Amino acid sequence: MAVQVVGRSLMTSDLTPHQAKSVGVGGWVVSFLPGRTLTTAQATAALQAAEAVAAVNALAGQVGLTAMETVGLAIQESPWGEPEPCTGLRRIFRRGLAER
């Protein structure tokens, strides 16, 4: 993932076709956020988010889903709950009990 600035007026990425263009005075417009003027940091973050979506899309395709389906399902709370943290000492203690 590499957002690159070209000539201080264009941001591009090798992982997504989206771009950001400078509109002067530190403002940037991102191709998928028309009508919004962002700071340099925000425009960079937006392109990094677009790169992340490209990565999710590639992974989603491997399980037969779209990126939108994958994100929508993944943000849901797990029905299994949170895994119980297991420290090294607890693991040894449990192993000792299981061997008795």
Protein backbone atom coordinates (compact mmCIF):
# COMPACT_ATOMS: atom_id res chain seq x y z
CA MET A 1 0.00 0.00 0.00
CA ALA A 2 1.64 3.15 -1.14
CA VAL A 3 -0.04 6.52 -1.58
CA GLN A 4 2.23 8.70 -3.66
CA VAL A 5 2.17 12.46 -4.19
CA VAL A 6 2.95 13.50 -7.76
CA GLY A 7 4.14 17.04 -8.25
CA ARG A 8 2.47 18.28 -5.05
CA SER A 9 -0.87 18.35 -6.86
CA LEU A 10 -1.96 14.73 -7.30
CA MET A 11 -2.10 11.72 -4.97
CA THR A 12 -2.26 8.27 -6.49
CA SER A 13 -2.03 4.68 -5.35
CA ASP A 14 -0.81 1.48 -6.94
CA LEU A 15 -3.73 -0.46 -5.40
CA THR A 16 -6.76 1.63 -6.37
CA PRO A 17 -7.75 3.81 -9.31
CA HIS A 18 -8.96 6.55 -6.95
CA GLN A 19 -6.98 9.76 -6.77
CA ALA A 20 -6.83 13.01 -4.85
CA LYS A 21 -6.21 16.38 -6.50
CA SER A 22 -4.96 19.53 -4.87
CA VAL A 23 -7.37 22.46 -4.98
CA GLY A 24 -4.90 24.90 -3.44
CA VAL A 25 -4.25 26.26 0.05
CA GLY A 26 -3.71 22.76 1.47
CA GLY A 27 -7.08 21.48 0.24
CA TRP A 28 -7.60 18.21 -1.57
CA VAL A 29 -10.56 16.61 -3.36
CA VAL A 30 -10.73 12.80 -3.49
CA SER A 31 -12.31 11.08 -6.49
CA PHE A 32 -14.82 9.08 -4.43
CA LEU A 33 -15.70 12.01 -2.14
CA PRO A 34 -16.86 14.69 -4.59
CA GLY A 35 -17.86 18.01 -3.07
CA ARG A 36 -15.66 17.61 0.01
CA THR A 37 -12.44 19.49 0.52
CA LEU A 38 -10.03 17.64 2.78
CA THR A 39 -6.69 18.34 4.40
CA THR A 40 -3.59 16.55 3.15
CA ALA A 41 -3.80 14.09 6.04
CA GLN A 42 -7.50 13.42 5.39
CA ALA A 43 -6.94 12.90 1.66
CA THR A 44 -4.12 10.49 2.42
CA ALA A 45 -6.35 8.61 4.87
CA ALA A 46 -9.15 8.47 2.28
CA LEU A 47 -6.83 6.92 -0.30
CA GLN A 48 -5.51 4.47 2.29
CA ALA A 49 -9.12 3.52 3.04
CA ALA A 50 -9.68 2.95 -0.69
CA GLU A 51 -6.61 0.69 -0.69
CA ALA A 52 -8.03 -1.24 2.26
CA VAL A 53 -11.31 -1.68 0.39
CA ALA A 54 -9.38 -3.07 -2.58
CA ALA A 55 -7.70 -5.57 -0.24
CA VAL A 56 -11.05 -6.54 1.33
CA ASN A 57 -12.54 -6.93 -2.14
CA ALA A 58 -9.80 -9.37 -3.14
CA LEU A 59 -10.27 -11.42 0.04
CA ALA A 60 -14.07 -11.30 -0.18
CA GLY A 61 -13.97 -12.75 -3.66
CA GLN A 62 -12.16 -15.79 -2.29
CA VAL A 63 -15.16 -16.60 -0.09
CA GLY A 64 -17.80 -15.69 -2.67
CA LEU A 65 -18.82 -12.34 -1.21
CA THR A 66 -18.62 -8.72 -2.29
CA ALA A 67 -16.57 -6.23 -0.31
CA MET A 68 -19.80 -4.62 0.94
CA GLU A 69 -21.19 -7.97 2.10
CA THR A 70 -17.93 -8.85 3.84
CA VAL A 71 -17.68 -5.53 5.69
CA GLY A 72 -21.37 -5.61 6.62
CA LEU A 73 -21.08 -9.10 8.06
CA ALA A 74 -17.70 -8.54 9.72
CA ILE A 75 -18.85 -5.48 11.67
CA GLN A 76 -21.60 -7.47 13.34
CA GLU A 77 -20.99 -8.58 16.90
CA SER A 78 -19.81 -12.17 17.06
CA PRO A 79 -22.49 -14.54 18.34
CA TRP A 80 -19.71 -16.51 20.03
CA GLY A 81 -18.69 -13.65 22.30
CA GLU A 82 -15.17 -12.59 23.12
CA PRO A 83 -12.51 -15.28 23.49
CA GLU A 84 -11.25 -15.71 27.03
CA PRO A 85 -7.70 -14.39 27.36
CA CYS A 86 -5.29 -17.14 28.32
CA THR A 87 -2.01 -16.22 29.98
CA GLY A 88 1.00 -18.48 29.97
CA LEU A 89 0.56 -19.34 33.68
CA ARG A 90 -3.10 -20.17 33.24
CA ARG A 91 -2.21 -22.43 30.31
CA ILE A 92 0.38 -24.30 32.42
CA PHE A 93 -2.06 -24.56 35.34
CA ARG A 94 -4.78 -25.96 33.09
CA ARG A 95 -2.36 -28.43 31.52
CA GLY A 96 -1.32 -29.62 34.98
CA LEU A 97 -4.94 -30.19 36.00
CA ALA A 98 -5.71 -32.05 32.80
CA GLU A 99 -2.79 -34.44 33.35
CA ARG A 100 -3.95 -35.43 36.86
